[in-house]
Amino acid sequence: MALVTIPPIKQSTATMGLQRADNALQMMNGADVITEFARAVWTYQFSLVPQKEASGMLWAGALARLSRISNHFEAGPPGYNGAAYTATTLQVDGSGQLGIALDIKGAQPSTKVLQAGEYFEINGELKIVVTDCTSDGSGLATVQFEPPLRDSPDNSANLNTQTPKAKFRLATPESSWSIGLKKYYRIQIDCVEVI
């Protein structure tokens, strides 16, 4: 699997979401049986602003490489400019943690360190904070997020709250672009997180 360097993403529209493997079965008596799975992946669809010829050609080359879906690229959440809290580096507090909550350390005491809707990256995994997270008097906190951790991070691993990214591949093994008037490239990309 090769990392493909892509030109800067300047999207005109973007949609990002989580895709789960959960299943709902409705029984004859009307009851629902819900089967939940821990697996969830990010999906990302975006349309680029029309690209002039030079940047359009760069995108075409990158997309041609990405049509081999064993290749991937890295991208952050659309429009995200980093967490509001920047005073200190937040770190994992203790090894062996999995699930949708993570004990962290290194925060200023009694401070909101992450708020709902902010993102962070840990172990190469992109997470979205689901409830505000405030540190205690010792600078310790528990952050709740989605999707669940796939791998347990090391003790004292840093949380990247400013430039979090995920690894994506094209959703299908094909790529295309259209070229309009004055050689402007129009490109739409549909991708899914690499696990």
Protein backbone atom coordinates (compact mmCIF):
# COMPACT_ATOMS: atom_id res chain seq x y z
CA MET A 1 0.00 0.00 0.00
CA ALA A 2 1.58 3.26 -1.14
CA LEU A 3 0.89 6.73 0.16
CA VAL A 4 0.00 9.05 -2.73
CA THR A 5 0.74 12.74 -2.25
CA ILE A 6 -2.21 14.74 -3.52
CA PRO A 7 -2.43 18.45 -4.34
CA PRO A 8 -4.08 20.69 -1.74
CA ILE A 9 -7.80 19.94 -1.38
CA LYS A 10 -9.81 23.04 -2.29
CA GLN A 11 -13.34 21.72 -2.21
CA SER A 12 -16.51 23.45 -3.29
CA THR A 13 -18.62 20.90 -1.37
CA ALA A 14 -17.72 18.12 1.03
CA THR A 15 -19.51 15.41 2.98
CA MET A 16 -17.85 13.42 5.74
CA GLY A 17 -19.47 10.73 7.84
CA LEU A 18 -19.18 7.41 9.63
CA GLN A 19 -20.24 4.15 8.07
CA ARG A 20 -20.99 1.30 10.45
CA ALA A 21 -21.58 -2.40 9.98
CA ASP A 22 -24.53 -2.42 12.42
CA ASN A 23 -27.66 -4.31 11.44
CA ALA A 24 -31.32 -3.96 12.45
CA LEU A 25 -33.75 -6.86 12.05
CA GLN A 26 -37.45 -6.31 12.66
CA MET A 27 -39.20 -9.34 14.10
CA MET A 28 -42.76 -10.36 13.18
CA ASN A 29 -43.98 -9.06 16.56
CA GLY A 30 -42.61 -5.60 15.69
CA ALA A 31 -39.60 -5.79 18.00
CA ASP A 32 -36.25 -4.70 16.65
CA VAL A 33 -33.15 -6.78 17.15
CA ILE A 34 -30.08 -4.58 16.80
CA THR A 35 -26.67 -6.10 16.17
CA GLU A 36 -23.87 -3.62 16.80
CA PHE A 37 -20.33 -4.06 15.59
CA ALA A 38 -17.29 -2.08 16.70
CA ARG A 39 -16.19 -1.53 13.10
CA ALA A 40 -16.84 1.94 11.75
CA VAL A 41 -15.00 3.79 8.99
CA TRP A 42 -14.94 7.39 7.82
CA THR A 43 -16.39 8.21 4.43
CA TYR A 44 -15.48 11.37 2.56
CA GLN A 45 -16.95 12.73 -0.65
CA PHE A 46 -15.90 16.05 -2.09
CA SER A 47 -16.04 18.13 -5.25
CA LEU A 48 -13.06 20.31 -5.98
CA VAL A 49 -13.43 23.86 -7.14
CA PRO A 50 -12.71 23.91 -10.90
CA GLN A 51 -8.97 23.38 -11.31
CA LYS A 52 -6.86 25.26 -13.83
CA GLU A 53 -4.95 23.09 -16.27
CA ALA A 54 -1.71 22.79 -14.29
CA SER A 55 -3.32 21.76 -11.00
CA GLY A 56 -5.93 19.68 -12.84
CA MET A 57 -3.17 17.66 -14.45
CA LEU A 58 -1.60 17.07 -11.02
CA TRP A 59 -4.95 15.83 -9.70
CA ALA A 60 -5.42 13.60 -12.75
CA GLY A 61 -2.04 11.98 -12.12
CA ALA A 62 -2.79 11.47 -8.43
CA LEU A 63 -6.23 10.01 -9.20
CA ALA A 64 -4.75 7.62 -11.73
CA ARG A 65 -2.46 6.29 -8.99
CA LEU A 66 -5.34 6.17 -6.50
CA SER A 67 -7.48 4.09 -8.88
CA ARG A 68 -5.27 1.25 -7.66
CA ILE A 69 -7.21 0.98 -4.41
CA SER A 70 -4.28 -0.51 -2.55
CA ASN A 71 -2.93 3.09 -2.67
CA HIS A 72 -4.17 5.74 -0.29
CA PHE A 73 -3.88 9.43 0.63
CA GLU A 74 -4.18 11.37 3.86
CA ALA A 75 -6.73 14.09 4.52
CA GLY A 76 -8.16 15.91 7.49
CA PRO A 77 -11.80 16.69 8.18
CA PRO A 78 -13.14 19.28 5.72
CA GLY A 79 -12.99 22.83 7.03
CA TYR A 80 -11.41 21.82 10.34
CA ASN A 81 -8.84 24.26 11.73
CA GLY A 82 -7.78 22.49 14.92
CA ALA A 83 -9.04 22.29 18.48
CA ALA A 84 -9.55 25.51 20.43
CA TYR A 85 -7.31 24.25 23.28
CA THR A 86 -3.63 24.74 22.42
CA ALA A 87 -2.02 25.42 25.81
CA THR A 88 -0.34 22.04 26.28
CA THR A 89 0.06 18.72 24.48
CA LEU A 90 -2.51 16.14 25.51
CA GLN A 91 -1.22 12.61 26.04
CA VAL A 92 -2.68 9.16 26.68
CA ASP A 93 -2.77 8.32 30.40
CA GLY A 94 -2.17 4.58 30.64
CA SER A 95 -1.79 1.76 28.13
CA GLY A 96 -4.30 -0.95 27.20
CA GLN A 97 -7.20 1.41 26.51
CA LEU A 98 -9.80 0.52 23.88
CA GLY A 99 -13.39 1.54 23.21
CA ILE A 100 -14.91 5.00 22.91
CA ALA A 101 -13.29 6.72 25.91
CA LEU A 102 -9.65 7.55 26.53
CA ASP A 103 -7.97 8.75 29.71
CA ILE A 104 -5.65 11.65 28.93
CA LYS A 105 -3.12 13.74 30.84
CA GLY A 106 -1.05 16.87 30.41
CA ALA A 107 -3.87 19.42 30.37
CA GLN A 108 -4.01 22.58 32.40
CA PRO A 109 -6.05 21.96 35.57
CA SER A 110 -9.83 22.47 35.42
CA THR A 111 -9.90 23.50 31.75
CA LYS A 112 -12.08 22.51 28.80
CA VAL A 113 -9.55 20.72 26.61
CA LEU A 114 -11.76 19.26 23.87
CA GLN A 115 -15.30 20.09 22.89
CA ALA A 116 -17.96 18.12 21.06
CA GLY A 117 -17.37 18.20 17.32
CA GLU A 118 -13.60 18.66 17.53
CA TYR A 119 -11.30 15.98 16.11
CA PHE A 120 -8.09 14.32 17.17
CA GLU A 121 -5.78 11.68 15.79
CA ILE A 122 -4.21 8.90 17.82
CA ASN A 123 -2.36 5.85 16.45
CA GLY A 124 -3.15 7.05 12.93
CA GLU A 125 -6.88 6.86 13.74
CA LEU A 126 -9.19 9.88 13.31
CA LYS A 127 -11.71 10.45 16.12
CA ILE A 128 -14.49 12.99 16.70
CA VAL A 129 -15.20 14.19 20.24
CA VAL A 130 -18.85 13.54 21.19
CA THR A 131 -19.09 15.40 24.54
CA ASP A 132 -17.16 18.32 25.99
CA CYS A 133 -14.07 17.18 27.92
CA THR A 134 -12.82 19.14 30.94
CA SER A 135 -9.71 18.29 32.95
CA ASP A 136 -9.76 17.83 36.70
CA GLY A 137 -7.57 19.70 39.21
CA SER A 138 -4.59 17.49 38.28
CA GLY A 139 -4.86 18.01 34.50
CA LEU A 140 -6.38 14.56 33.91
CA ALA A 141 -9.48 13.99 31.80
CA THR A 142 -11.48 11.36 29.94
CA VAL A 143 -12.39 12.14 26.35
CA GLN A 144 -15.37 10.40 24.75
CA PHE A 145 -15.33 9.94 20.98
CA GLU A 146 -16.37 7.93 17.93
CA PRO A 147 -15.51 5.63 16.25
CA PRO A 148 -14.03 3.14 18.74
CA LEU A 149 -10.29 2.65 18.97
CA ARG A 150 -9.02 -0.17 16.77
CA ASP A 151 -5.64 -0.43 18.51
CA SER A 152 -4.65 0.50 22.03
CA PRO A 153 -2.36 3.55 22.03
CA ASP A 154 0.85 3.56 24.02
CA ASN A 155 1.02 5.31 27.36
CA SER A 156 2.06 8.97 26.86
CA ALA A 157 1.27 8.91 23.12
CA ASN A 158 0.41 12.42 21.91
CA LEU A 159 -3.06 13.31 20.67
CA ASN A 160 -2.88 15.37 17.48
CA THR A 161 -5.66 17.90 17.99
CA GLN A 162 -4.50 20.51 15.48
CA THR A 163 -3.90 18.66 12.20
CA PRO A 164 -5.64 15.28 12.58
CA LYS A 165 -5.88 13.12 9.47
CA ALA A 166 -7.17 9.79 8.30
CA LYS A 167 -5.96 7.52 5.54
CA PHE A 168 -8.40 7.23 2.62
CA ARG A 169 -8.66 5.17 -0.54
CA LEU A 170 -11.07 5.59 -3.43
CA ALA A 171 -14.40 3.86 -2.77
CA THR A 172 -14.15 2.09 -6.14
CA PRO A 173 -11.14 1.18 -8.29
CA GLU A 174 -11.80 3.87 -10.86
CA SER A 175 -11.08 7.54 -11.27
CA SER A 176 -12.28 10.16 -13.70
CA TRP A 177 -12.24 13.88 -14.29
CA SER A 178 -13.87 16.14 -16.83
CA ILE A 179 -12.26 18.97 -18.71
CA GLY A 180 -14.45 21.92 -19.67
CA LEU A 181 -14.03 25.29 -21.25
CA LYS A 182 -10.61 26.90 -20.95
CA LYS A 183 -9.25 23.50 -19.84
CA TYR A 184 -10.72 23.69 -16.34
CA TYR A 185 -10.81 20.29 -14.64
CA ARG A 186 -13.89 19.27 -12.67
CA ILE A 187 -13.18 16.52 -10.16
CA GLN A 188 -15.38 14.65 -7.69
CA ILE A 189 -13.91 12.15 -5.27
CA ASP A 190 -15.66 9.46 -3.24
CA CYS A 191 -13.43 7.71 -0.72
CA VAL A 192 -13.45 5.54 2.36
CA GLU A 193 -11.04 5.21 5.28
CA VAL A 194 -8.28 2.63 5.08
CA ILE A 195 -8.17 0.28 8.06
